[in-house]
Protein backbone atom coordinates (compact mmCIF):
# COMPACT_ATOMS: atom_id res chain seq x y z
CA MET A 1 73.78 150.04 78.70
CA GLU A 2 76.83 152.18 78.01
CA LYS A 3 76.32 155.84 77.05
CA SER A 4 78.36 155.37 73.93
CA LEU A 5 76.69 152.44 72.59
CA LEU A 6 73.48 153.93 73.40
CA LYS A 7 74.86 157.39 71.43
CA GLN A 8 75.72 154.83 68.34
CA LEU A 9 72.14 152.79 68.58
CA ASN A 10 70.55 155.95 68.35
CA LEU A 11 72.78 157.44 65.34
CA TRP A 12 72.38 154.16 63.53
CA HIS A 13 68.73 154.42 63.94
CA GLN A 14 68.36 157.89 62.61
CA ASN A 15 70.38 156.54 59.39
CA LYS A 16 68.21 153.75 59.25
CA GLU A 17 70.84 151.30 59.81
CA TYR A 18 69.16 148.79 61.46
CA ASP A 19 71.06 145.77 60.55
CA LYS A 20 74.14 147.29 62.43
CA ILE A 21 72.01 147.86 65.48
CA ILE A 22 71.21 144.49 65.50
CA ALA A 23 74.41 142.81 64.98
CA ALA A 24 75.84 145.10 67.84
CA ILE A 25 73.36 144.24 70.34
CA LEU A 26 73.61 140.09 69.48
CA GLU A 27 77.26 140.36 70.24
CA ILE A 28 76.30 141.08 73.62
CA PRO A 29 75.66 137.99 75.62
CA GLU A 30 72.15 137.24 75.99
CA GLN A 31 72.59 136.96 79.98
CA ASP A 32 74.01 140.48 79.54
CA ARG A 33 71.27 142.50 77.70
CA ASP A 34 69.94 144.98 79.89
CA TYR A 35 65.92 146.55 79.20
CA ASP A 36 67.58 149.25 76.91
CA ALA A 37 69.60 146.97 74.77
CA VAL A 38 66.52 144.24 74.38
CA SER A 39 63.83 147.41 73.27
CA HIS A 40 66.47 148.74 70.67
CA LEU A 41 66.85 145.31 69.44
CA ALA A 42 63.14 144.55 68.92
CA ARG A 43 62.88 148.16 67.48
CA ALA A 44 65.46 147.33 64.97
CA MET A 45 63.57 144.02 63.67
CA ASN A 46 60.30 145.66 63.42
CA ASN A 47 62.04 148.33 61.27
CA LEU A 48 63.34 145.46 59.10
CA ASP A 49 59.82 143.55 59.09
CA ARG A 50 61.23 140.82 61.49
CA TYR A 51 58.04 141.19 63.53
CA GLU A 52 58.10 137.77 64.92
CA GLU A 53 61.63 137.90 66.38
CA ALA A 54 60.76 141.25 67.64
CA VAL A 55 57.68 140.02 69.59
CA GLN A 56 59.89 137.16 71.01
CA GLN A 57 62.39 139.67 71.97
CA LEU A 58 60.07 142.51 73.66
CA LEU A 59 58.40 139.18 75.73
CA THR A 60 61.50 138.23 77.24
CA ILE A 61 61.28 141.84 78.95
CA GLU A 62 57.70 141.72 79.54
CA LYS A 63 57.54 142.27 83.29
CA GLN A 64 59.97 144.98 83.49
CA GLY A 65 57.87 146.73 80.45
CA GLU A 66 54.50 146.29 81.97
CA ASN A 67 54.43 150.02 82.77
CA ASP A 68 56.21 151.19 79.77
CA PRO A 69 53.94 152.83 77.12
CA LEU A 70 56.92 152.38 74.59
CA TRP A 71 57.18 148.78 75.28
CA HIS A 72 53.42 148.10 74.71
CA PHE A 73 53.65 150.45 71.49
CA ARG A 74 56.29 148.31 70.00
CA LEU A 75 54.51 144.89 70.63
CA GLY A 76 51.35 146.15 69.48
CA TYR A 77 53.29 147.49 66.30
CA SER A 78 54.88 143.88 65.98
CA TYR A 79 51.29 141.96 66.77
CA TYR A 80 49.39 144.93 63.95
CA TYR A 81 51.94 143.77 60.94
CA LEU A 82 51.50 140.37 61.97
CA SER A 83 48.06 140.51 61.63
CA GLU A 84 47.43 139.79 64.87
CA TYR A 85 45.13 142.54 65.51
CA GLU A 86 43.39 141.56 68.75
CA GLY A 87 47.00 141.60 70.20
CA ALA A 88 47.37 144.91 68.24
CA VAL A 89 44.49 146.43 70.14
CA ARG A 90 45.27 144.91 73.61
CA GLU A 91 48.51 146.48 73.44
CA PHE A 92 47.71 149.65 71.93
CA GLU A 93 44.92 150.32 74.30
CA MET A 94 47.70 150.01 77.14
CA ALA A 95 49.94 152.44 75.45
CA SER A 96 47.32 154.71 75.23
CA THR A 97 46.50 154.46 78.70
CA LEU A 98 49.66 154.91 80.24
CA ASP A 99 50.71 157.89 77.70
CA PRO A 100 47.52 159.46 76.77
CA ALA A 101 49.38 162.13 74.70
CA ASP A 102 50.58 159.62 71.95
CA GLN A 103 48.73 160.22 69.01
CA SER A 104 50.42 157.25 67.26
CA ALA A 105 49.29 155.02 69.75
CA LEU A 106 45.74 156.06 69.13
CA GLU A 107 46.05 156.00 65.50
CA PHE A 108 47.28 152.68 65.32
CA LEU A 109 44.79 151.48 68.13
CA ASP A 110 42.03 152.53 65.63
CA TRP A 111 43.71 150.62 62.45
CA SER A 112 44.13 147.87 64.96
CA ARG A 113 40.30 147.82 65.92
CA SER A 114 39.52 148.19 62.00
CA GLY A 115 41.58 145.19 61.17
CA ALA A 116 40.53 142.96 63.96
CA GLU A 117 36.91 143.51 62.71
CA LYS A 118 37.36 142.84 58.86
CA GLN A 119 39.09 139.59 60.24
CA LYS A 120 35.89 138.77 61.72
CA LYS A 121 33.87 139.69 58.86
CA ARG A 122 36.30 137.55 56.78
CA ALA A 123 35.96 134.46 59.11
CA ARG A 124 32.36 134.58 58.92
CA LYS A 125 32.60 134.75 54.90
CA LYS A 126 34.61 131.92 54.81
CA ALA A 127 32.45 130.26 57.46
CA LYS A 128 29.61 130.44 54.55
CA PRO A 129 29.73 127.37 52.22
CA LEU A 130 30.16 128.19 48.56
CA GLN A 131 26.73 128.87 46.50
CA THR A 132 26.65 127.21 43.14
CA ALA A 133 24.48 128.49 40.47
CA SER A 134 21.27 126.56 41.32
CA GLY A 135 21.39 127.72 44.71
CA GLN A 136 23.24 124.52 46.44
CA SER A 137 25.83 124.89 48.96
CA LYS A 138 29.09 123.15 48.57
CA ASN A 139 31.68 122.67 51.15
CA ASN A 140 34.91 123.70 49.08
CA GLY A 141 33.91 121.35 46.38
CA THR A 142 34.79 118.32 48.93
CA GLY A 143 33.26 114.89 47.24
CA LYS A 144 32.37 117.04 44.51
CA ALA A 145 33.80 117.67 40.68
CA PRO A 146 35.50 120.99 40.40
CA PHE A 147 33.26 123.42 38.83
CA GLU A 148 30.02 121.20 38.79
CA ASP A 149 27.47 123.14 37.13
CA PHE A 150 29.54 126.17 36.06
CA ASP A 151 29.29 127.30 32.52
CA PHE A 152 32.83 128.26 31.30
CA THR A 153 30.96 129.13 27.50
CA GLY A 154 31.91 132.71 27.14
CA PHE A 155 34.48 132.54 30.13
CA TRP A 156 37.54 133.54 27.80
CA ASP A 157 38.72 136.65 25.61
CA ASP A 158 40.54 134.78 23.14
CA CYS A 159 41.99 137.30 21.64
CA ASP A 160 45.20 137.69 19.69
CA TYR A 161 47.47 138.91 22.79
CA ALA A 162 45.95 136.14 24.69
CA LEU A 163 46.52 133.53 22.60
CA LYS A 164 50.08 134.64 21.92
CA GLU A 165 51.07 135.07 25.56
CA TYR A 166 48.74 133.01 28.00
CA VAL A 167 46.78 130.43 26.07
CA ALA A 168 48.85 126.85 26.20
CA GLU A 169 47.78 123.37 25.16
CA PRO A 170 46.10 121.47 27.87
CA PRO A 171 48.82 120.29 30.65
CA THR A 172 49.40 116.39 30.97
CA ASP A 173 50.03 114.66 34.16
CA GLU A 174 53.56 114.61 33.77
CA LEU A 175 53.77 118.42 33.24
CA VAL A 176 51.51 119.11 36.36
CA ALA A 177 53.80 117.36 38.43
CA SER A 178 56.88 118.77 37.03
CA ILE A 179 55.44 122.20 37.46
CA GLU A 180 54.55 121.48 40.95
CA GLU A 181 57.93 120.23 41.86
CA GLU A 182 59.45 123.51 40.40
CA LEU A 183 57.17 125.74 42.40
CA GLY A 184 57.50 123.58 45.53
CA TYR A 185 53.49 123.25 45.79
CA LYS A 186 50.59 121.27 45.11
CA LEU A 187 48.35 122.91 42.95
CA PRO A 188 44.70 122.88 43.51
CA ALA A 189 42.36 120.46 42.09
CA SER A 190 40.05 123.10 40.83
CA TYR A 191 42.81 124.87 39.11
CA ILE A 192 44.64 121.83 37.27
CA ALA A 193 40.83 121.23 36.02
CA MET A 194 40.18 124.02 34.88
CA MET A 195 43.64 124.57 32.95
CA LYS A 196 43.15 121.05 31.43
CA LEU A 197 39.87 122.73 29.73
CA HIS A 198 41.77 125.87 28.60
CA ASN A 199 45.15 126.37 29.96
CA GLY A 200 45.93 130.06 30.64
CA GLY A 201 44.09 133.02 29.13
CA MET A 202 42.27 136.11 29.72
CA PRO A 203 38.76 136.36 31.27
CA VAL A 204 35.89 138.28 30.12
CA ASN A 205 35.05 138.90 33.70
CA THR A 206 38.23 140.49 35.27
CA CYS A 207 37.07 142.45 38.78
CA PHE A 208 36.68 140.79 42.23
CA PRO A 209 35.04 142.50 44.95
CA THR A 210 37.29 143.45 47.97
CA GLU A 211 36.04 144.84 51.44
CA ASP A 212 39.71 146.45 51.63
CA GLU A 213 40.84 148.97 49.62
CA THR A 214 43.74 148.45 47.53
CA SER A 215 46.17 150.64 45.32
CA TRP A 216 43.66 149.68 42.70
CA SER A 217 40.23 150.60 43.98
CA GLU A 218 38.58 150.64 47.25
CA ASP A 219 36.04 148.16 46.79
CA HIS A 220 37.52 145.37 44.18
CA ILE A 221 40.50 144.37 42.17
CA ALA A 222 41.09 143.69 38.92
CA ILE A 223 43.15 141.21 37.08
CA THR A 224 44.40 140.91 33.49
CA GLY A 225 44.79 136.91 32.85
CA ILE A 226 45.04 133.99 34.80
CA MET A 227 48.55 131.87 34.48
CA GLY A 228 48.12 128.51 32.43
CA ILE A 229 50.35 125.39 33.60
CA GLY A 230 53.38 125.42 31.59
CA ARG A 231 56.71 126.93 30.71
CA GLU A 232 56.31 128.38 27.18
CA LYS A 233 53.90 131.11 27.28
CA LEU A 234 55.39 134.25 28.86
CA TYR A 235 52.67 134.11 31.29
CA ALA A 236 52.90 130.77 32.55
CA LEU A 237 53.03 129.45 35.88
CA CYS A 238 56.91 129.05 35.10
CA GLY A 239 57.17 131.44 32.23
CA GLU A 240 59.10 134.40 31.77
CA LEU A 241 56.93 136.42 33.90
CA GLY A 242 55.56 133.91 35.82
CA SER A 243 55.16 132.90 39.36
CA LYS A 244 58.82 132.50 40.01
CA PHE A 245 59.73 135.76 38.01
CA MET A 246 57.31 137.80 40.52
CA ILE A 247 58.38 136.58 43.42
CA GLU A 248 61.90 136.68 43.01
CA GLU A 249 62.40 139.65 40.87
CA TRP A 250 59.59 141.98 42.33
CA GLY A 251 60.06 140.70 45.94
CA TYR A 252 56.09 139.08 46.16
CA PRO A 253 56.41 137.26 49.19
CA ASP A 254 57.37 133.74 48.77
CA ILE A 255 54.05 132.08 50.48
CA GLY A 256 52.43 130.25 47.44
CA VAL A 257 52.02 130.77 43.84
CA VAL A 258 51.20 133.95 41.53
CA ILE A 259 48.73 132.95 39.32
CA CYS A 260 47.24 136.43 37.92
CA ASP A 261 48.76 139.38 36.63
CA CYS A 262 46.83 142.87 36.94
CA PRO A 263 46.62 145.98 34.92
CA SER A 264 49.19 147.84 36.86
CA ALA A 265 52.07 146.05 34.97
CA GLY A 266 53.61 144.27 38.14
CA HIS A 267 52.75 146.78 41.03
CA ASP A 268 50.09 143.93 42.25
CA VAL A 269 49.10 140.20 42.09
CA VAL A 270 46.87 137.66 42.82
CA MET A 271 48.61 134.43 44.39
CA LEU A 272 47.67 130.99 46.18
CA ASP A 273 48.36 131.31 49.85
CA TYR A 274 49.42 128.51 51.38
CA ARG A 275 50.75 129.67 54.59
CA ALA A 276 47.51 128.11 56.62
CA CYS A 277 47.36 124.84 54.83
CA GLY A 278 50.99 124.01 54.01
CA ARG A 279 52.73 123.03 50.95
CA ASP A 280 50.06 120.35 49.56
CA GLY A 281 47.09 121.86 51.21
CA GLU A 282 44.09 123.77 49.81
CA PRO A 283 45.27 127.15 49.47
CA GLU A 284 43.32 130.46 49.67
CA VAL A 285 43.29 133.48 47.25
CA ILE A 286 44.86 136.44 47.97
CA HIS A 287 45.67 139.95 46.53
CA VAL A 288 49.16 141.11 47.16
CA ASP A 289 49.70 145.05 46.56
CA GLN A 290 53.61 146.02 46.11
CA GLU A 291 52.30 149.64 46.13
CA GLY A 292 50.97 148.99 49.65
CA ASP A 293 54.27 147.64 50.85
CA TYR A 294 53.04 144.30 49.87
CA LYS A 295 49.82 144.41 51.55
CA ILE A 296 48.12 141.26 51.48
CA THR A 297 44.12 141.04 51.03
CA PHE A 298 41.85 137.94 51.32
CA LEU A 299 39.62 137.39 48.55
CA ALA A 300 38.15 133.70 48.61
CA GLU A 301 38.61 130.59 50.27
CA ASN A 302 39.65 128.62 47.11
CA PHE A 303 40.29 128.95 43.94
CA GLU A 304 37.05 128.08 42.61
CA ALA A 305 35.04 130.35 44.80
CA PHE A 306 37.97 132.81 43.28
CA ILE A 307 37.00 132.25 39.69
CA ARG A 308 33.04 131.92 40.77
CA GLY A 309 33.42 135.40 42.21
CA LEU A 310 34.58 137.37 39.07
CA VAL A 311 32.21 140.03 38.09
CA ASN A 312 32.77 142.06 34.79
CA GLU A 313 34.31 145.32 34.66
CA ASP A 314 31.14 147.05 33.80
CA VAL A 315 29.89 146.67 37.30
CA TYR A 316 33.17 149.36 38.38
CA ASP A 317 33.56 150.98 35.22
CA THR A 318 35.15 154.31 35.78
CA SER A 319 37.28 153.71 32.20
CA GLU A 320 35.85 157.20 30.95
CA GLU A 321 36.91 159.31 34.47
CA ASP A 322 40.17 157.50 34.37
CA LYS A 323 40.73 158.55 30.61
CA GLN A 324 39.44 161.85 31.00
CA GLU A 325 42.07 162.27 33.97
CA ALA A 326 44.76 161.16 31.99
CA LEU A 327 44.34 163.19 29.62
CA ARG A 328 44.53 165.91 31.73
CA LYS A 329 47.97 165.01 33.01
CA VAL A 330 49.54 164.45 29.81
CA ALA A 331 48.01 167.64 28.52
CA GLY A 332 49.19 169.82 31.81
CA GLY A 333 51.03 167.89 33.89
CA ALA A 334 54.49 169.34 35.06
CA PHE A 335 57.53 167.60 33.87
CA SER A 336 59.73 165.89 36.30
CA PRO A 337 63.05 167.97 36.94
CA LEU A 338 65.05 165.44 35.23
CA LEU A 339 62.86 165.38 31.84
CA SER A 340 62.31 169.19 31.77
CA GLU A 341 66.20 170.01 32.05
CA LEU A 342 66.49 167.26 28.81
CA CYS A 343 64.34 168.99 27.41
CA ALA A 344 65.96 172.48 27.31
CA HIS A 345 68.84 171.24 25.59
CA VAL A 346 66.91 169.99 22.45
CA THR A 347 67.60 172.01 19.24
CA GLU A 348 67.07 169.34 16.74
CA VAL A 349 63.31 169.26 16.61
CA GLU A 350 60.96 172.19 17.56
CA ASN A 351 58.82 172.49 20.81
CA ILE A 352 59.78 169.03 21.89
CA GLU A 353 57.65 169.27 24.96
CA GLY A 354 54.54 169.79 22.61
CA ILE A 355 55.86 166.46 20.85
CA ILE A 356 55.93 164.42 24.24
CA ARG A 357 52.62 165.78 24.96
CA ALA A 358 51.39 164.78 21.53
CA VAL A 359 52.57 161.03 21.64
CA CYS A 360 51.18 160.68 25.17
CA THR A 361 48.00 162.06 24.54
CA ARG A 362 47.59 159.46 21.43
CA ILE A 363 48.95 156.50 23.97
CA VAL A 364 46.13 157.50 26.26
CA GLU A 365 43.32 158.06 23.73
CA GLU A 366 44.28 154.15 22.40
CA LYS A 367 44.78 152.89 25.57
CA GLY A 368 42.24 154.74 27.74
CA PHE A 369 45.23 155.31 30.49
CA PHE A 370 48.76 156.62 30.68
CA ALA A 371 51.29 153.23 30.78
CA LEU A 372 54.21 152.17 28.41
CA HIS A 373 54.27 148.79 27.39
CA ALA A 374 55.41 147.15 24.51
CA ASP A 375 53.57 149.08 21.63
CA GLU A 376 54.79 150.87 18.90
CA LEU A 377 54.21 154.14 20.91
CA SER A 378 55.56 153.06 24.00
CA THR A 379 58.71 152.21 21.74
CA LEU A 380 58.98 155.35 20.41
CA MET A 381 58.86 156.92 23.90
CA TYR A 382 61.22 154.44 25.35
CA ASP A 383 63.38 155.73 22.05
CA LEU A 384 62.75 159.42 23.00
CA GLN A 385 63.86 159.14 26.37
CA PHE A 386 66.82 157.23 25.88
CA TRP A 387 67.90 160.02 22.96
CA LEU A 388 67.25 163.03 25.68
CA TYR A 389 69.28 161.15 28.40
CA THR A 390 72.11 160.43 26.73
CA LYS A 391 72.23 163.45 24.65
CA SER A 392 72.80 165.26 27.78
CA TYR A 393 74.73 162.59 29.24
CA PRO A 394 77.13 160.90 26.53
CA SER A 395 78.88 158.73 28.42
CA THR A 396 75.80 156.50 30.30
CA ASP A 397 76.20 153.14 30.91
CA ARG A 398 73.57 150.25 30.80
CA GLU A 399 73.01 150.52 34.70
CA THR A 400 73.07 154.17 34.88
CA TYR A 401 70.81 154.47 32.06
CA LEU A 402 67.75 152.05 33.97
CA GLU A 403 68.24 153.91 37.10
CA ALA A 404 68.02 157.77 35.58
CA TYR A 405 64.73 156.07 33.28
CA LYS A 406 62.75 156.02 36.56
CA SER A 407 62.99 159.75 37.21
CA MET A 408 61.89 160.89 33.53
CA ILE A 409 58.36 159.60 33.34
CA ALA A 410 57.81 156.37 35.16
CA PHE A 411 57.84 158.12 38.09
CA GLY A 412 57.70 161.71 36.94
CA GLY A 413 54.94 163.01 38.83
CA ALA A 414 52.42 165.29 37.39
CA PHE A 415 53.53 164.12 34.34
CA GLY A 416 54.16 160.52 34.99
CA THR A 417 52.93 156.76 34.75
CA GLY A 418 53.26 156.23 38.22
CA GLY A 419 55.19 153.26 37.93
CA TYR A 420 57.01 150.85 35.39
CA ALA A 421 57.37 146.91 34.79
CA PRO A 422 61.59 146.82 34.36
CA GLY A 423 61.09 143.99 31.86
CA PHE A 424 59.29 146.52 29.31
CA ILE A 425 62.43 148.90 29.55
CA THR A 426 64.99 146.33 29.53
CA ASP A 427 63.50 144.10 26.93
CA TRP A 428 63.47 147.29 24.62
CA LEU A 429 66.95 147.97 25.72
CA ASP A 430 68.02 144.11 24.52
CA ASP A 431 66.10 144.44 21.19
CA ARG A 432 67.36 148.05 19.95
CA ILE A 433 71.04 146.65 20.80
CA GLY A 434 70.09 143.57 18.88
CA GLN A 435 69.10 145.17 15.99
CA GLY A 436 72.07 147.38 15.87
CA MET A 437 70.15 150.67 16.54
CA ILE A 438 71.90 151.22 19.79
CA THR A 439 75.82 150.43 20.19
CA GLU A 440 77.62 149.35 23.12
CA LYS A 441 81.22 150.84 23.21
CA ASP A 442 83.47 150.24 26.15
CA GLY A 443 80.14 150.03 28.13
CA VAL A 444 78.85 153.40 27.18
CA LEU A 445 75.34 153.00 25.29
CA SER A 446 74.40 155.60 22.19
CA PHE A 447 72.11 155.65 19.22
CA THR A 448 73.34 154.77 15.88
CA ASP A 449 73.41 157.82 13.36
CA ARG A 450 70.81 156.05 11.25
CA ALA A 451 68.75 154.87 14.30
CA LEU A 452 68.82 158.81 15.89
CA GLU A 453 68.03 160.32 11.86
CA ALA A 454 64.63 157.65 11.71
CA LEU A 455 63.81 158.96 15.48
CA LEU A 456 64.20 162.72 14.62
CA GLU A 457 61.89 162.13 11.56
CA LYS A 458 59.31 160.08 13.50
CA LEU A 459 59.25 163.43 16.17
CA ASN A 460 58.97 165.63 13.37
CA GLY A 461 55.65 163.86 12.62
CA PHE A 462 54.42 164.30 15.71
CA ALA A 463 55.64 167.91 15.74
CA SER A 464 52.82 168.56 13.48
CA ALA A 465 50.29 167.72 16.11
CA GLY A 466 51.91 170.04 18.41
CA ASN A 467 52.10 172.67 15.82
CA ALA A 468 48.29 171.94 15.29
CA LEU A 469 47.31 172.70 19.29
CA GLU A 470 49.62 175.92 18.89
CA ALA A 471 47.98 177.12 15.35
CA SER A 472 44.33 176.58 16.97
CA GLY A 473 45.42 178.81 19.97
CA LEU A 474 45.65 175.89 22.66
CA ILE A 475 48.81 176.28 24.06
CA ASN A 476 48.74 179.95 24.08
CA ILE A 477 45.39 179.87 26.02
CA ALA A 478 46.87 177.35 27.84
CA GLU A 479 49.15 180.02 29.45
CA LYS A 480 46.16 182.05 30.01
CA ILE A 481 44.14 180.20 32.03
CA LYS A 482 46.63 178.44 34.25
CA PRO A 483 46.09 176.87 36.61
CA PHE A 484 42.47 175.71 34.58
CA GLN A 485 43.69 173.34 31.72
CA LEU A 486 41.99 172.83 28.24
CA VAL A 487 41.85 169.21 27.11
CA GLU A 488 41.01 167.94 23.48
CA HIS A 489 39.26 164.93 23.09
CA ASP A 490 38.95 162.50 20.28
CA SER A 491 35.36 162.84 20.13
CA GLY A 492 35.63 166.46 19.02
CA ASN A 493 34.97 168.07 22.90
CA ILE A 494 37.08 170.53 24.29
CA SER A 495 37.08 170.53 28.09
CA MET A 496 37.97 173.11 30.80
CA ILE A 497 39.55 171.41 33.73
CA LEU A 498 40.67 172.66 37.26
CA ASP A 499 42.05 170.34 39.87
CA VAL A 500 40.43 172.00 42.98
CA GLY A 501 41.79 172.76 46.56
CA THR A 502 43.86 175.42 46.44
CA TYR A 503 42.83 178.27 44.08
CA LYS A 504 40.61 181.06 45.28
CA HIS A 505 40.05 178.94 48.43
CA GLU A 506 40.26 181.81 50.75
CA VAL A 507 37.01 183.00 48.65
CA PHE A 508 35.10 179.64 49.31
CA GLN A 509 36.09 179.95 53.16
CA THR A 510 33.70 182.88 53.54
CA ARG A 511 30.48 181.01 53.18
CA VAL A 512 32.04 177.90 54.63
CA ASP A 513 29.31 177.98 57.31
CA GLU A 514 26.34 177.45 54.60
CA GLY A 515 28.26 174.33 53.37
CA PHE A 516 30.68 175.34 50.84
CA GLU A 517 33.98 173.83 50.25
CA GLY A 518 35.58 174.89 47.55
CA ASN A 519 34.87 171.72 45.56
CA GLY A 520 34.27 171.00 42.16
CA TYR A 521 30.42 171.01 42.44
CA ASP A 522 30.73 174.69 44.19
CA TRP A 523 33.10 176.18 41.22
CA GLY A 524 30.34 174.83 38.92
CA SER A 525 28.05 177.15 41.00
CA VAL A 526 30.13 179.97 40.25
CA ALA A 527 30.83 178.84 36.57
CA ALA A 528 27.17 178.88 36.06
CA VAL A 529 26.40 181.94 37.49
CA PHE A 530 29.02 183.46 35.30
CA LEU A 531 27.84 181.73 32.46
CA GLU A 532 24.53 182.73 32.91
CA GLU A 533 25.31 186.60 33.45
CA LYS A 534 28.24 187.44 31.42
CA MET A 535 28.10 184.89 28.46
CA PRO A 536 24.36 183.95 28.02
CA HIS A 537 24.79 183.42 24.39
CA LEU A 538 26.66 180.43 25.60
CA ALA A 539 24.30 178.61 27.96
CA ASP A 540 23.25 176.05 25.75
CA ILE A 541 26.46 175.53 24.32
CA VAL A 542 29.22 175.26 27.46
CA ARG A 543 28.22 172.60 29.48
CA PHE A 544 29.32 171.24 33.24
CA ASP A 545 30.60 167.99 34.71
CA PRO A 546 31.91 168.75 37.79
CA GLU A 547 33.22 166.20 40.26
CA GLY A 548 34.20 166.62 44.24
CA SER A 549 37.99 167.12 43.32
CA MET A 550 37.36 168.45 39.78
CA PHE A 551 35.49 171.36 38.23
CA CYS A 552 35.02 170.28 34.36
CA ALA A 553 33.21 172.64 31.81
CA TYR A 554 32.81 171.14 27.98
CA SER A 555 31.96 171.80 24.77
CA GLY A 556 31.61 170.38 21.20
CA ASN A 557 32.35 174.21 20.02
CA ARG A 558 36.03 175.23 20.03
CA GLU A 559 35.66 178.39 19.50
CA ALA A 560 32.87 179.03 22.25
CA MET A 561 35.15 176.78 24.87
CA GLN A 562 37.93 179.16 24.30
CA ASN A 563 36.00 182.50 24.67
CA PHE A 564 34.56 180.79 28.02
CA ALA A 565 37.84 179.62 29.36
CA ILE A 566 39.46 182.99 29.23
CA GLY A 567 36.58 184.96 30.10
CA PHE A 568 35.84 182.81 33.15
CA LYS A 569 39.76 182.91 34.41
CA ASP A 570 39.38 186.87 34.04
CA ALA A 571 36.83 186.91 36.36
CA CYS A 572 38.38 184.50 38.65
CA GLU A 573 41.77 186.92 38.33
CA ASP A 574 39.30 190.08 39.19
CA ASP A 575 38.75 189.31 43.23
CA ALA A 576 35.80 191.96 43.44
CA VAL A 577 34.25 190.30 40.46
CA PHE A 578 35.03 186.44 42.00
CA ARG A 579 33.42 187.34 44.99
CA ASP A 580 30.41 188.90 43.55
CA LEU A 581 29.69 186.12 41.39
CA PHE A 582 30.12 183.45 44.11
CA SER A 583 27.60 185.31 46.71
CA ARG A 584 25.10 184.55 44.41
CA ALA A 585 26.40 180.87 43.67
CA GLU A 586 23.93 177.96 45.26
CA LEU A 587 25.05 175.25 46.99
CA ASP A 588 24.91 171.95 44.83
């Protein structure tokens, strides 16, 4: 290969312009492409997730690459992302043998071995016959009526939201055929039978166990609802937020049918997977995780097995811990740079940061987690963010705002929801324009004077909540006790929280040989010594509930908790005092 071309290919690679690499090399006649050219072509294809094509290219230079660790690595990389783990293991083993210093090859080898083992377990699991409630075996329901002996009594949670957005009239055979034609896949008989009994909805049991970790949990996934057969409901297969929408708008793989939405508001789904059976066969059920680069996790060999395997969320209930974590986030998490910049320009209301935190605390208290949907408080936060942004950037058009929206709270870091469903924010914007609250003149968006007046009135109402916190001393105390945080709860309790890891880490390292790590339990031991020796009068009032990554003290007595928080932080800041307390701490 010419040096000038090689230099250009490397430059394109650095700039992640992989399409240009592929186009340039494909212009070279196949018989004239040397080993380096094909290697660069395969690497670019791998970087664009075109793994099957990369394998084809690499195999054309197999003999030349026999002793090249990089050739084996690239082929192993392709096999790994094609989930052909045994081939990946073989190639990464060879790459590691040829280049023992390659840590990436060793890392991928470990992942590939793990993937191969999970595939074997999955194969054994799929080979087991489905067990009915009576213990009798079924072979995928063949020759049996769907859901024979399955009691659907109490299966559905027919709340108002479910009835409005999911549940439709039982589908006719004509509708089923029409939906199948539109989707391009034949729906499982068990799915059709279930929908004819209850066409879509939100089940009582919403969790399904997994062997693989996902963005939702290390041992299970959760669903919100099961899509019905139809077009009218929001969450129907061909509804506004149905299967086609998730595939076309959210980028989910076009390998089947999305049948369940999840609590992440679009960031993961459950699908029928037709890759192995064809469009008219019996599909497997999989979980697809957008947060994990659309990672696919096998759930069940068929739809009936999936439904039978659903369990109640109580089995995995971490809601209270999740809620407390969310409360800590909205109470003390740092604003994103953009949100901080916008708040600095506000003069119309006092303590805008306190107002934002007060609104979001209310959201968490009501939902149990931090997310914006289509409810009243979420709408207030949409209004608030729009006002903040357009106040600082008055020439904002629709496209600019929708892009900027991501950087305020949606992906706001420490104070952020960690994602959002684009449909919620576009629906909000369209509604506000339709209501005449937001005008669009020459493409520029802005609140009307009356809409802004109404918004400020609402914000001033929440300002009282922020002022109440300030009056109670919590805001001033919050500054004094950083990096600890104080969190108030509806129950009346108040907690002192620390995300452990860096603060006073050097002190805990002095007893690392005894097993101390500086984790939440170690902090709890130090705090217990402080409470016993320095504030014994609070011994029965302040309690501890640490976890591995978090220290937590709590009390129903506000004044006692405030006094403890200030006293303990002062002790932490005096290095000699803290080391003395730590010397008497006992390993939990």
